[in-house]
Amino acid sequence: MPPFAPPDLVRLKLSLDAAAAPDPLVADALADAHREILGRLRPDIVPVAHAETLASGEALVAAARVLRRLGAAAAAAARAVSVGGQRVDLSDRDGAAIRAAAPLEEEGWAALAPLLLPVVTTAEAAATPTQPVVPA
């Protein structure tokens, strides 16, 4: 099944053009987001009936992943500059991009929440009866 969101919608959510967020990067982020959403989608949901919500939520989740990858690439390419023995930090764009990803992803999952299976929390998982593993 193809992604619910087109790559241009992901770029629109980030206000980036194709030069800043190339097609392979956006397509890979969309594929990752799509796989995760499909794994959590309720079985009674008909994607065509919720196309707009699915596209918007998926675009936000994918946009967060694009930002993280762009931030990681910028951090890896950053060069330290020293002037007079003092380190000069040229910018924190890489860190800012990574920090900006979390609210975007939260917004995407919040938009998708009515269409997804409930997430089992640790407290719910811990509520099972204890059984001995090794016989006494």
Protein backbone atom coordinates (compact mmCIF):
# COMPACT_ATOMS: atom_id res chain seq x y z
CA MET A 1 0.00 0.00 0.00
CA PRO A 2 1.47 3.39 -0.95
CA PRO A 3 1.90 6.09 1.70
CA PHE A 4 -1.18 8.13 2.59
CA ALA A 5 0.73 11.42 2.20
CA PRO A 6 2.59 12.66 -0.87
CA PRO A 7 6.19 13.89 -0.44
CA ASP A 8 5.14 17.46 -1.26
CA LEU A 9 2.83 17.51 1.78
CA VAL A 10 5.76 16.54 4.03
CA ARG A 11 7.82 19.39 2.56
CA LEU A 12 4.87 21.77 2.98
CA LYS A 13 4.62 20.90 6.69
CA LEU A 14 8.30 21.84 7.01
CA SER A 15 8.22 24.80 4.59
CA LEU A 16 11.15 23.24 2.73
CA ASP A 17 11.78 22.85 -0.97
CA ALA A 18 13.11 19.79 -2.81
CA ALA A 19 16.68 21.07 -2.54
CA ALA A 20 16.55 21.20 1.27
CA ALA A 21 14.63 17.92 1.63
CA PRO A 22 15.51 15.68 -1.35
CA ASP A 23 13.08 13.09 -2.70
CA PRO A 24 14.97 10.00 -1.40
CA LEU A 25 15.09 11.43 2.14
CA VAL A 26 11.39 12.30 2.18
CA ALA A 27 10.36 9.01 0.53
CA ASP A 28 12.33 7.00 3.10
CA ALA A 29 10.85 8.96 6.03
CA LEU A 30 7.36 8.49 4.56
CA ALA A 31 7.91 4.75 4.15
CA ASP A 32 9.06 4.45 7.79
CA ALA A 33 6.10 6.45 9.07
CA HIS A 34 3.67 4.53 6.84
CA ARG A 35 4.90 1.14 8.09
CA GLU A 36 4.51 2.23 11.70
CA ILE A 37 1.04 3.68 11.12
CA LEU A 38 -0.18 0.57 9.28
CA GLY A 39 1.01 -1.56 12.21
CA ARG A 40 -1.06 0.49 14.63
CA LEU A 41 -4.14 1.20 12.46
CA ARG A 42 -7.39 -0.21 13.82
CA PRO A 43 -8.71 -3.08 11.65
CA ASP A 44 -12.14 -1.43 11.27
CA ILE A 45 -10.69 1.74 9.72
CA VAL A 46 -11.22 2.19 5.98
CA PRO A 47 -8.32 4.35 4.77
CA VAL A 48 -10.33 5.96 1.96
CA ALA A 49 -12.91 7.24 4.45
CA HIS A 50 -10.18 8.90 6.56
CA ALA A 51 -7.79 9.87 3.77
CA GLU A 52 -7.31 13.49 4.84
CA THR A 53 -6.60 12.65 8.50
CA LEU A 54 -4.26 9.81 7.56
CA ALA A 55 -2.37 11.97 5.05
CA SER A 56 -1.98 14.88 7.45
CA GLY A 57 -0.93 12.74 10.41
CA GLU A 58 1.47 10.68 8.33
CA ALA A 59 2.99 13.83 6.82
CA LEU A 60 3.66 15.24 10.31
CA VAL A 61 5.25 12.00 11.55
CA ALA A 62 7.37 11.77 8.39
CA ALA A 63 8.30 15.47 8.65
CA ALA A 64 9.63 14.88 12.17
CA ARG A 65 11.79 12.06 10.84
CA VAL A 66 13.06 14.26 8.01
CA LEU A 67 14.00 16.97 10.53
CA ARG A 68 15.87 14.47 12.71
CA ARG A 69 17.81 13.17 9.72
CA LEU A 70 18.63 16.67 8.48
CA GLY A 71 19.75 17.63 11.99
CA ALA A 72 21.91 14.52 12.30
CA ALA A 73 23.50 15.20 8.90
CA ALA A 74 24.21 18.82 9.86
CA ALA A 75 25.75 17.73 13.16
CA ALA A 76 27.98 15.22 11.38
CA ALA A 77 29.12 17.85 8.88
CA ALA A 78 29.69 20.60 11.48
CA ARG A 79 33.23 21.89 11.80
CA ALA A 80 34.72 23.44 14.89
CA VAL A 81 36.10 26.92 14.37
CA SER A 82 38.62 28.51 16.74
CA VAL A 83 39.48 32.20 16.80
CA GLY A 84 42.28 33.30 19.11
CA GLY A 85 42.13 30.04 21.02
CA GLN A 86 38.36 30.39 21.61
CA ARG A 87 35.95 27.93 20.09
CA VAL A 88 33.27 29.66 18.06
CA ASP A 89 29.93 27.92 17.79
CA LEU A 90 28.59 28.98 14.42
CA SER A 91 25.03 27.86 15.02
CA ASP A 92 22.88 25.30 16.70
CA ARG A 93 20.71 24.62 13.67
CA ASP A 94 21.34 20.90 13.88
CA GLY A 95 20.20 20.76 17.51
CA ALA A 96 17.26 23.05 16.79
CA ALA A 97 16.08 20.79 13.96
CA ILE A 98 16.24 17.72 16.18
CA ARG A 99 14.39 19.50 19.02
CA ALA A 100 11.71 20.74 16.61
CA ALA A 101 10.96 17.18 15.51
CA ALA A 102 9.39 16.02 18.80
CA PRO A 103 6.40 18.42 18.81
CA LEU A 104 5.77 17.70 15.12
CA GLU A 105 5.71 13.95 15.73
CA GLU A 106 3.46 14.37 18.79
CA GLU A 107 1.04 16.45 16.71
CA GLY A 108 0.99 13.78 14.02
CA TRP A 109 0.29 10.93 16.45
CA ALA A 110 -2.38 13.04 18.19
CA ALA A 111 -4.14 13.59 14.85
CA LEU A 112 -3.99 9.86 14.11
CA ALA A 113 -4.98 8.71 17.62
CA PRO A 114 -8.72 8.16 16.90
CA LEU A 115 -7.78 5.79 14.06
CA LEU A 116 -5.15 3.76 15.91
CA LEU A 117 -5.21 0.81 18.25
CA PRO A 118 -4.73 1.76 21.90
CA VAL A 119 -1.13 1.68 23.09
CA VAL A 120 -0.48 -0.74 25.93
CA THR A 121 1.29 1.07 28.73
CA THR A 122 3.87 -0.44 31.04
CA ALA A 123 1.40 -0.40 33.94
CA GLU A 124 -1.12 -2.43 31.92
CA ALA A 125 1.52 -4.89 30.81
CA ALA A 126 2.72 -5.36 34.40
CA ALA A 127 -0.79 -6.30 35.59
CA THR A 128 -0.53 -9.93 34.50
CA PRO A 129 -0.47 -12.70 37.12
CA THR A 130 2.94 -13.94 38.12
CA GLN A 131 3.83 -17.46 37.03
CA PRO A 132 6.91 -19.42 38.06
CA VAL A 133 9.39 -19.93 35.25
CA VAL A 134 11.39 -22.69 36.85
CA PRO A 135 9.47 -25.45 38.65
CA ALA A 136 10.21 -25.65 42.36
